[in-house]
Amino acid sequence: MTRIDAKFAALRAEGKKGFVAYMMAGDPDMATSLAIMQGMPGAGVDVIELGMPFTDPMADGPTIQLAGQRALEGGQTLQMTLDMVAAFRATDTTTPIVLMGYYNPIYSRGVDRFLADAKAAGIDGLIVVDLPPEEDDELCLPAQAAGLNFIRLATPTTDAKRLPTVLQNTSGFVYYVSITGITGAAAAEAAHVAPEVARIKAATDLPVIVGFGIRTPDNARDIAGIADGCVVGSAIVAEIAAGKSVDQVLAFVKGLADGAHSA
């Protein structure tokens, strides 16, 4: 059982919904980024989703694209991102960390080396948005063999024929993308999302966590209420981009977490 599995089992036992917070590693710099990351569990974050900066983030909207650019311009590397995780683990051995990004940096490092280093640093799961299920031999299956969850995205266009393929080797949780398009593009509507979440839950025992388009505590509550939890990314990254202090960012995160937990 991974930390992710244990966290969702504990939430289920308490009758609570999960709150997942996304941030970009190294934005605006590594020290600030690490301080925000270290403060997230205290702000109510159940799972931290840590972005790996990449030059061509095709699934991300302008807010997260710019965060990646800032991180890369500041010198952030994959090794520094793993070092961030290791530093976090020095004081927190329980909060699950999911590394989210694209395959190119992993491929460049070498899959076996990357998986060994990620596991040693304290990563619990991976979301790699540009590797479809047809490429599971490439990273998904080796990751699971190494003890890491491989979390797949389902979308409004994942029809009944495609869904079993998407779910086949998914573990940890299913990330349901609530809108068609890129991150931060539109607001998620619980009424529209609920039937899709029910459809996915009928096909898997995994928790279904909804992301994209969640910006306010009320929105987090509404979306978490029809799923097993929610993910907020762009809204948090926008606070960091606005130059807010670590405490201000964490206060914003706490409001979202409180919203999700009140569902």
C-alpha atoms as a PDB file:
ATOM      1  CA  MET A   1       0.000   0.000   0.000  1.00  0.00           C
ATOM      2  CA  THR A   2       1.422   3.368  -1.018  1.00  0.00           C
ATOM      3  CA  ARG A   3       1.023   6.609   0.929  1.00  0.00           C
ATOM      4  CA  ILE A   4      -1.667   7.551  -1.610  1.00  0.00           C
ATOM      5  CA  ASP A   5      -3.624   4.357  -0.964  1.00  0.00           C
ATOM      6  CA  ALA A   6      -3.266   4.840   2.796  1.00  0.00           C
ATOM      7  CA  LYS A   7      -4.411   8.472   2.650  1.00  0.00           C
ATOM      8  CA  PHE A   8      -7.582   7.732   0.703  1.00  0.00           C
ATOM      9  CA  ALA A   9      -8.353   4.731   2.906  1.00  0.00           C
ATOM     10  CA  ALA A  10      -8.068   7.000   5.959  1.00  0.00           C
ATOM     11  CA  LEU A  11     -10.254   9.683   4.373  1.00  0.00           C
ATOM     12  CA  ARG A  12     -12.861   7.082   3.465  1.00  0.00           C
ATOM     13  CA  ALA A  13     -12.841   5.735   7.030  1.00  0.00           C
ATOM     14  CA  GLU A  14     -13.439   9.273   8.332  1.00  0.00           C
ATOM     15  CA  GLY A  15     -16.151   9.976   5.761  1.00  0.00           C
ATOM     16  CA  LYS A  16     -14.104  12.867   4.381  1.00  0.00           C
ATOM     17  CA  LYS A  17     -13.313  14.062   0.869  1.00  0.00           C
ATOM     18  CA  GLY A  18      -9.748  14.564  -0.275  1.00  0.00           C
ATOM     19  CA  PHE A  19      -8.048  17.816  -1.238  1.00  0.00           C
ATOM     20  CA  VAL A  20      -5.166  17.690  -3.705  1.00  0.00           C
ATOM     21  CA  ALA A  21      -3.085  20.834  -4.292  1.00  0.00           C
ATOM     22  CA  TYR A  22      -0.892  21.373  -7.345  1.00  0.00           C
ATOM     23  CA  MET A  23       2.188  23.569  -7.395  1.00  0.00           C
ATOM     24  CA  MET A  24       5.082  23.954  -9.814  1.00  0.00           C
ATOM     25  CA  ALA A  25       8.472  22.911  -8.458  1.00  0.00           C
ATOM     26  CA  GLY A  26      10.864  25.850  -8.438  1.00  0.00           C
ATOM     27  CA  ASP A  27       8.265  28.600  -8.921  1.00  0.00           C
ATOM     28  CA  PRO A  28       9.127  31.390  -8.201  1.00  0.00           C
ATOM     29  CA  ASP A  29      12.381  29.890  -6.871  1.00  0.00           C
ATOM     30  CA  MET A  30      13.351  26.667  -5.161  1.00  0.00           C
ATOM     31  CA  ALA A  31      13.485  28.046  -1.600  1.00  0.00           C
ATOM     32  CA  THR A  32      10.050  29.682  -1.775  1.00  0.00           C
ATOM     33  CA  SER A  33       8.607  26.682  -3.567  1.00  0.00           C
ATOM     34  CA  LEU A  34       9.901  24.322  -0.879  1.00  0.00           C
ATOM     35  CA  ALA A  35       8.520  26.557   1.892  1.00  0.00           C
ATOM     36  CA  ILE A  36       5.071  26.505   0.285  1.00  0.00           C
ATOM     37  CA  MET A  37       5.279  22.744  -0.167  1.00  0.00           C
ATOM     38  CA  GLN A  38       6.313  22.229   3.463  1.00  0.00           C
ATOM     39  CA  GLY A  39       3.361  24.336   4.633  1.00  0.00           C
ATOM     40  CA  MET A  40       0.723  22.540   2.571  1.00  0.00           C
ATOM     41  CA  PRO A  41      -0.075  19.658   4.946  1.00  0.00           C
ATOM     42  CA  GLY A  42      -0.670  22.147   7.759  1.00  0.00           C
ATOM     43  CA  ALA A  43      -3.029  24.043   5.448  1.00  0.00           C
ATOM     44  CA  GLY A  44      -5.154  20.914   5.018  1.00  0.00           C
ATOM     45  CA  VAL A  45      -3.679  19.448   1.833  1.00  0.00           C
ATOM     46  CA  ASP A  46      -4.129  15.670   1.678  1.00  0.00           C
ATOM     47  CA  VAL A  47      -2.010  15.017  -1.417  1.00  0.00           C
ATOM     48  CA  ILE A  48       0.617  17.301  -2.982  1.00  0.00           C
ATOM     49  CA  GLU A  49       0.817  17.275  -6.761  1.00  0.00           C
ATOM     50  CA  LEU A  50       4.214  18.635  -7.734  1.00  0.00           C
ATOM     51  CA  GLY A  51       4.741  19.856 -11.281  1.00  0.00           C
ATOM     52  CA  MET A  52       7.950  19.081 -13.151  1.00  0.00           C
ATOM     53  CA  PRO A  53       8.848  22.162 -15.235  1.00  0.00           C
ATOM     54  CA  PHE A  54       8.950  21.378 -18.950  1.00  0.00           C
ATOM     55  CA  THR A  55       9.485  23.524 -22.033  1.00  0.00           C
ATOM     56  CA  ASP A  56       6.419  22.314 -23.950  1.00  0.00           C
ATOM     57  CA  PRO A  57       3.555  21.625 -21.473  1.00  0.00           C
ATOM     58  CA  MET A  58       0.797  20.979 -24.003  1.00  0.00           C
ATOM     59  CA  ALA A  59      -1.989  20.152 -21.510  1.00  0.00           C
ATOM     60  CA  ASP A  60      -1.443  23.262 -19.420  1.00  0.00           C
ATOM     61  CA  GLY A  61      -2.977  26.686 -19.755  1.00  0.00           C
ATOM     62  CA  PRO A  62      -1.086  29.987 -19.598  1.00  0.00           C
ATOM     63  CA  THR A  63      -0.948  30.154 -15.779  1.00  0.00           C
ATOM     64  CA  ILE A  64       0.883  26.855 -15.355  1.00  0.00           C
ATOM     65  CA  GLN A  65       2.904  27.309 -18.563  1.00  0.00           C
ATOM     66  CA  LEU A  66       4.267  30.585 -17.184  1.00  0.00           C
ATOM     67  CA  ALA A  67       5.010  28.942 -13.833  1.00  0.00           C
ATOM     68  CA  GLY A  68       7.078  26.326 -15.639  1.00  0.00           C
ATOM     69  CA  GLN A  69       8.899  29.020 -17.584  1.00  0.00           C
ATOM     70  CA  ARG A  70       9.694  30.942 -14.398  1.00  0.00           C
ATOM     71  CA  ALA A  71      11.009  27.774 -12.769  1.00  0.00           C
ATOM     72  CA  LEU A  72      13.171  26.859 -15.767  1.00  0.00           C
ATOM     73  CA  GLU A  73      14.515  30.399 -16.048  1.00  0.00           C
ATOM     74  CA  GLY A  74      15.407  30.180 -12.365  1.00  0.00           C
ATOM     75  CA  GLY A  75      17.477  27.081 -13.098  1.00  0.00           C
ATOM     76  CA  GLN A  76      15.075  24.405 -11.856  1.00  0.00           C
ATOM     77  CA  THR A  77      16.012  20.917 -13.053  1.00  0.00           C
ATOM     78  CA  LEU A  78      14.538  17.462 -12.565  1.00  0.00           C
ATOM     79  CA  GLN A  79      17.296  16.728 -10.056  1.00  0.00           C
ATOM     80  CA  MET A  80      16.430  19.880  -8.103  1.00  0.00           C
ATOM     81  CA  THR A  81      12.782  18.806  -8.077  1.00  0.00           C
ATOM     82  CA  LEU A  82      13.763  15.432  -6.630  1.00  0.00           C
ATOM     83  CA  ASP A  83      15.995  17.242  -4.125  1.00  0.00           C
ATOM     84  CA  MET A  84      12.957  19.332  -3.099  1.00  0.00           C
ATOM     85  CA  VAL A  85      10.997  16.157  -2.410  1.00  0.00           C
ATOM     86  CA  ALA A  86      13.862  14.691  -0.386  1.00  0.00           C
ATOM     87  CA  ALA A  87      14.053  17.913   1.667  1.00  0.00           C
ATOM     88  CA  PHE A  88      10.304  17.760   2.277  1.00  0.00           C
ATOM     89  CA  ARG A  89      10.584  14.141   3.385  1.00  0.00           C
ATOM     90  CA  ALA A  90      13.153  15.117   6.025  1.00  0.00           C
ATOM     91  CA  THR A  91      10.269  16.512   8.102  1.00  0.00           C
ATOM     92  CA  ASP A  92       7.174  14.821   6.605  1.00  0.00           C
ATOM     93  CA  THR A  93       7.111  11.088   5.966  1.00  0.00           C
ATOM     94  CA  THR A  94       3.350  10.683   5.537  1.00  0.00           C
ATOM     95  CA  THR A  95       1.924  13.227   3.049  1.00  0.00           C
ATOM     96  CA  PRO A  96       1.619  11.645  -0.414  1.00  0.00           C
ATOM     97  CA  ILE A  97       3.467  13.356  -3.265  1.00  0.00           C
ATOM     98  CA  VAL A  98       2.492  12.896  -6.899  1.00  0.00           C
ATOM     99  CA  LEU A  99       4.925  14.094  -9.554  1.00  0.00           C
ATOM    100  CA  MET A 100       3.059  15.503 -12.555  1.00  0.00           C
ATOM    101  CA  GLY A 101       4.511  16.334 -15.920  1.00  0.00           C
ATOM    102  CA  TYR A 102       5.626  15.081 -19.282  1.00  0.00           C
ATOM    103  CA  TYR A 103       7.650  12.105 -20.437  1.00  0.00           C
ATOM    104  CA  ASN A 104      10.584  13.862 -22.087  1.00  0.00           C
ATOM    105  CA  PRO A 105      12.548  14.733 -18.901  1.00  0.00           C
ATOM    106  CA  ILE A 106      11.982  11.193 -17.575  1.00  0.00           C
ATOM    107  CA  TYR A 107      13.054   9.621 -20.876  1.00  0.00           C
ATOM    108  CA  SER A 108      16.145  11.839 -20.990  1.00  0.00           C
ATOM    109  CA  ARG A 109      17.165  10.710 -17.506  1.00  0.00           C
ATOM    110  CA  GLY A 110      16.428   7.080 -18.268  1.00  0.00           C
ATOM    111  CA  VAL A 111      13.343   5.306 -16.927  1.00  0.00           C
ATOM    112  CA  ASP A 112      15.118   2.914 -14.570  1.00  0.00           C
ATOM    113  CA  ARG A 113      17.313   5.647 -13.093  1.00  0.00           C
ATOM    114  CA  PHE A 114      14.387   8.034 -12.779  1.00  0.00           C
ATOM    115  CA  LEU A 115      12.182   5.498 -10.999  1.00  0.00           C
ATOM    116  CA  ALA A 116      14.941   4.552  -8.560  1.00  0.00           C
ATOM    117  CA  ASP A 117      15.702   8.211  -7.842  1.00  0.00           C
ATOM    118  CA  ALA A 118      12.011   9.153  -7.511  1.00  0.00           C
ATOM    119  CA  LYS A 119      11.386   6.312  -5.085  1.00  0.00           C
ATOM    120  CA  ALA A 120      14.477   7.191  -3.050  1.00  0.00           C
ATOM    121  CA  ALA A 121      13.455  10.862  -2.887  1.00  0.00           C
ATOM    122  CA  GLY A 122      10.000   9.967  -1.570  1.00  0.00           C
ATOM    123  CA  ILE A 123       7.688  10.235  -4.583  1.00  0.00           C
ATOM    124  CA  ASP A 124       4.528   8.122  -4.295  1.00  0.00           C
ATOM    125  CA  GLY A 125       2.888   8.444  -7.701  1.00  0.00           C
ATOM    126  CA  LEU A 126       3.201   9.781 -11.227  1.00  0.00           C
ATOM    127  CA  ILE A 127       0.901  11.605 -13.612  1.00  0.00           C
ATOM    128  CA  VAL A 128       2.488  11.729 -17.061  1.00  0.00           C
ATOM    129  CA  VAL A 129      -0.040  13.320 -19.349  1.00  0.00           C
ATOM    130  CA  ASP A 130       1.527  12.536 -22.713  1.00  0.00           C
ATOM    131  CA  LEU A 131       1.822   8.749 -22.297  1.00  0.00           C
ATOM    132  CA  PRO A 132      -1.410   6.995 -23.368  1.00  0.00           C
ATOM    133  CA  PRO A 133      -2.333   3.505 -22.119  1.00  0.00           C
ATOM    134  CA  GLU A 134      -0.971   2.029 -25.349  1.00  0.00           C
ATOM    135  CA  GLU A 135       2.500   2.996 -24.067  1.00  0.00           C
ATOM    136  CA  ASP A 136       2.136   1.384 -20.623  1.00  0.00           C
ATOM    137  CA  ASP A 137       5.263  -0.736 -21.121  1.00  0.00           C
ATOM    138  CA  GLU A 138       7.262   2.494 -21.420  1.00  0.00           C
ATOM    139  CA  LEU A 139       6.733   3.848 -17.891  1.00  0.00           C
ATOM    140  CA  CYS A 140       3.429   2.849 -16.281  1.00  0.00           C
ATOM    141  CA  LEU A 141       4.193  -0.829 -15.677  1.00  0.00           C
ATOM    142  CA  PRO A 142       7.815  -0.248 -14.595  1.00  0.00           C
ATOM    143  CA  ALA A 143       6.595   2.480 -12.210  1.00  0.00           C
ATOM    144  CA  GLN A 144       4.036   0.169 -10.622  1.00  0.00           C
ATOM    145  CA  ALA A 145       6.670  -2.550 -10.300  1.00  0.00           C
ATOM    146  CA  ALA A 146       8.866  -0.011  -8.488  1.00  0.00           C
ATOM    147  CA  GLY A 147       6.062   0.666  -6.002  1.00  0.00           C
ATOM    148  CA  LEU A 148       4.798   3.941  -7.465  1.00  0.00           C
ATOM    149  CA  ASN A 149       1.173   4.601  -8.335  1.00  0.00           C
ATOM    150  CA  PHE A 150       0.535   5.550 -11.947  1.00  0.00           C
ATOM    151  CA  ILE A 151      -2.445   7.885 -12.049  1.00  0.00           C
ATOM    152  CA  ARG A 152      -4.377   8.225 -15.281  1.00  0.00           C
ATOM    153  CA  LEU A 153      -6.558  11.061 -16.486  1.00  0.00           C
ATOM    154  CA  ALA A 154     -10.102  10.496 -17.701  1.00  0.00           C
ATOM    155  CA  THR A 155     -11.845  13.315 -19.568  1.00  0.00           C
ATOM    156  CA  PRO A 156     -15.295  14.246 -20.877  1.00  0.00           C
ATOM    157  CA  THR A 157     -14.269  12.606 -24.159  1.00  0.00           C
ATOM    158  CA  THR A 158     -13.323   9.271 -22.512  1.00  0.00           C
ATOM    159  CA  ASP A 159     -16.301   7.253 -23.762  1.00  0.00           C
ATOM    160  CA  ALA A 160     -17.559   3.866 -22.597  1.00  0.00           C
ATOM    161  CA  LYS A 161     -15.385   2.059 -25.130  1.00  0.00           C
ATOM    162  CA  ARG A 162     -12.200   3.873 -24.077  1.00  0.00           C
ATOM    163  CA  LEU A 163     -12.724   3.944 -20.302  1.00  0.00           C
ATOM    164  CA  PRO A 164     -11.710   0.316 -19.552  1.00  0.00           C
ATOM    165  CA  THR A 165      -8.417   0.892 -21.396  1.00  0.00           C
ATOM    166  CA  VAL A 166      -7.749   4.053 -19.375  1.00  0.00           C
ATOM    167  CA  LEU A 167      -8.523   2.290 -16.085  1.00  0.00           C
ATOM    168  CA  GLN A 168      -6.674  -0.945 -16.818  1.00  0.00           C
ATOM    169  CA  ASN A 169      -3.321  -0.126 -15.209  1.00  0.00           C
ATOM    170  CA  THR A 170      -4.314   2.962 -13.227  1.00  0.00           C
ATOM    171  CA  SER A 171      -3.658   2.974  -9.484  1.00  0.00           C
ATOM    172  CA  GLY A 172      -3.830   5.414  -6.567  1.00  0.00           C
ATOM    173  CA  PHE A 173      -6.768   7.396  -7.903  1.00  0.00           C
ATOM    174  CA  VAL A 174      -8.402   8.392 -11.159  1.00  0.00           C
ATOM    175  CA  TYR A 175      -7.999  12.054 -12.061  1.00  0.00           C
ATOM    176  CA  TYR A 176     -11.143  13.236 -13.836  1.00  0.00           C
ATOM    177  CA  VAL A 177     -10.597  16.313 -15.966  1.00  0.00           C
ATOM    178  CA  SER A 178     -13.851  18.216 -15.539  1.00  0.00           C
ATOM    179  CA  ILE A 179     -13.671  20.299 -18.709  1.00  0.00           C
ATOM    180  CA  THR A 180     -12.532  19.795 -22.272  1.00  0.00           C
ATOM    181  CA  GLY A 181      -9.387  21.785 -22.875  1.00  0.00           C
ATOM    182  CA  ILE A 182      -6.360  23.058 -20.987  1.00  0.00           C
ATOM    183  CA  THR A 183      -5.856  23.770 -17.289  1.00  0.00           C
ATOM    184  CA  GLY A 184      -7.434  26.927 -15.918  1.00  0.00           C
ATOM    185  CA  ALA A 185      -9.639  27.428 -18.974  1.00  0.00           C
ATOM    186  CA  ALA A 186     -13.152  27.382 -17.499  1.00  0.00           C
ATOM    187  CA  ALA A 187     -15.083  26.813 -14.299  1.00  0.00           C
ATOM    188  CA  ALA A 188     -16.100  23.294 -13.325  1.00  0.00           C
ATOM    189  CA  GLU A 189     -19.831  22.788 -12.766  1.00  0.00           C
ATOM    190  CA  ALA A 190     -20.837  20.080 -10.296  1.00  0.00           C
ATOM    191  CA  ALA A 191     -24.098  19.387 -12.122  1.00  0.00           C
ATOM    192  CA  HIS A 192     -22.213  18.592 -15.320  1.00  0.00           C
ATOM    193  CA  VAL A 193     -19.460  16.620 -13.618  1.00  0.00           C
ATOM    194  CA  ALA A 194     -21.622  14.409 -11.359  1.00  0.00           C
ATOM    195  CA  PRO A 195     -22.915  12.002 -14.055  1.00  0.00           C
ATOM    196  CA  GLU A 196     -19.402  11.514 -15.414  1.00  0.00           C
ATOM    197  CA  VAL A 197     -17.970  10.798 -11.979  1.00  0.00           C
ATOM    198  CA  ALA A 198     -20.766   8.283 -11.351  1.00  0.00           C
ATOM    199  CA  ARG A 199     -19.971   6.606 -14.672  1.00  0.00           C
ATOM    200  CA  ILE A 200     -16.300   6.243 -13.770  1.00  0.00           C
ATOM    201  CA  LYS A 201     -17.028   5.061 -10.221  1.00  0.00           C
ATOM    202  CA  ALA A 202     -19.259   2.347 -11.639  1.00  0.00           C
ATOM    203  CA  ALA A 203     -16.224   1.013 -13.511  1.00  0.00           C
ATOM    204  CA  THR A 204     -13.553   1.183 -10.768  1.00  0.00           C
ATOM    205  CA  ASP A 205     -13.075   0.952  -7.006  1.00  0.00           C
ATOM    206  CA  LEU A 206     -10.392   3.649  -7.132  1.00  0.00           C
ATOM    207  CA  PRO A 207     -11.125   7.118  -5.713  1.00  0.00           C
ATOM    208  CA  VAL A 208     -12.168   9.619  -8.386  1.00  0.00           C
ATOM    209  CA  ILE A 209     -10.658  13.068  -7.891  1.00  0.00           C
ATOM    210  CA  VAL A 210     -11.845  15.964 -10.061  1.00  0.00           C
ATOM    211  CA  GLY A 211      -9.575  18.712 -11.325  1.00  0.00           C
ATOM    212  CA  PHE A 212      -9.484  21.667 -13.754  1.00  0.00           C
ATOM    213  CA  GLY A 213     -11.621  24.779 -13.293  1.00  0.00           C
ATOM    214  CA  ILE A 214     -11.826  24.850  -9.468  1.00  0.00           C
ATOM    215  CA  ARG A 215     -10.937  28.252  -8.054  1.00  0.00           C
ATOM    216  CA  THR A 216     -12.931  28.984  -4.880  1.00  0.00           C
ATOM    217  CA  PRO A 217     -13.730  27.237  -1.580  1.00  0.00           C
ATOM    218  CA  ASP A 218     -17.405  26.969  -2.628  1.00  0.00           C
ATOM    219  CA  ASN A 219     -16.370  25.445  -5.956  1.00  0.00           C
ATOM    220  CA  ALA A 220     -14.071  23.000  -4.138  1.00  0.00           C
ATOM    221  CA  ARG A 221     -16.930  21.996  -1.803  1.00  0.00           C
ATOM    222  CA  ASP A 222     -19.387  21.482  -4.654  1.00  0.00           C
ATOM    223  CA  ILE A 223     -17.011  19.402  -6.763  1.00  0.00           C
ATOM    224  CA  ALA A 224     -15.667  17.359  -3.828  1.00  0.00           C
ATOM    225  CA  GLY A 225     -19.273  16.686  -2.877  1.00  0.00           C
ATOM    226  CA  ILE A 226     -19.927  14.695  -6.045  1.00  0.00           C
ATOM    227  CA  ALA A 227     -16.550  12.918  -6.143  1.00  0.00           C
ATOM    228  CA  ASP A 228     -13.975  11.564  -3.696  1.00  0.00           C
ATOM    229  CA  GLY A 229     -12.193  14.901  -3.671  1.00  0.00           C
ATOM    230  CA  CYS A 230     -10.864  17.669  -5.863  1.00  0.00           C
ATOM    231  CA  VAL A 231      -7.630  19.094  -7.250  1.00  0.00           C
ATOM    232  CA  VAL A 232      -6.793  22.800  -7.435  1.00  0.00           C
ATOM    233  CA  GLY A 233      -3.812  23.952  -9.467  1.00  0.00           C
ATOM    234  CA  SER A 234      -4.065  27.096 -11.573  1.00  0.00           C
ATOM    235  CA  ALA A 235      -5.743  29.149  -8.827  1.00  0.00           C
ATOM    236  CA  ILE A 236      -2.896  28.357  -6.401  1.00  0.00           C
ATOM    237  CA  VAL A 237      -0.228  28.964  -9.029  1.00  0.00           C
ATOM    238  CA  ALA A 238      -1.852  32.329  -9.819  1.00  0.00           C
ATOM    239  CA  GLU A 239      -1.446  33.372  -6.169  1.00  0.00           C
ATOM    240  CA  ILE A 240       2.252  32.520  -6.353  1.00  0.00           C
ATOM    241  CA  ALA A 241       2.567  34.391  -9.675  1.00  0.00           C
ATOM    242  CA  ALA A 242       0.983  37.466  -8.071  1.00  0.00           C
ATOM    243  CA  GLY A 243       3.898  37.638  -5.657  1.00  0.00           C
ATOM    244  CA  LYS A 244       1.933  36.651  -2.572  1.00  0.00           C
ATOM    245  CA  SER A 245       3.959  35.663   0.475  1.00  0.00           C
ATOM    246  CA  VAL A 246       4.276  32.037   1.560  1.00  0.00           C
ATOM    247  CA  ASP A 247       1.802  32.679   4.390  1.00  0.00           C
ATOM    248  CA  GLN A 248      -0.683  34.335   2.023  1.00  0.00           C
ATOM    249  CA  VAL A 249      -0.471  31.448  -0.450  1.00  0.00           C
ATOM    250  CA  LEU A 250      -0.988  28.921   2.332  1.00  0.00           C
ATOM    251  CA  ALA A 251      -3.961  30.871   3.697  1.00  0.00           C
ATOM    252  CA  PHE A 252      -5.516  30.710   0.229  1.00  0.00           C
ATOM    253  CA  VAL A 253      -4.818  26.967   0.062  1.00  0.00           C
ATOM    254  CA  LYS A 254      -6.370  26.465   3.500  1.00  0.00           C
ATOM    255  CA  GLY A 255      -9.589  28.122   2.340  1.00  0.00           C
ATOM    256  CA  LEU A 256      -9.804  25.718  -0.594  1.00  0.00           C
ATOM    257  CA  ALA A 257      -8.976  22.700   1.600  1.00  0.00           C
ATOM    258  CA  ASP A 258     -11.615  23.727   4.134  1.00  0.00           C
ATOM    259  CA  GLY A 259     -14.120  23.992   1.280  1.00  0.00           C
ATOM    260  CA  ALA A 260     -13.330  20.501   0.013  1.00  0.00           C
ATOM    261  CA  HIS A 261     -13.406  19.018   3.503  1.00  0.00           C
ATOM    262  CA  SER A 262     -16.806  20.562   4.213  1.00  0.00           C
ATOM    263  CA  ALA A 263     -18.389  18.563   1.382  1.00  0.00           C
END
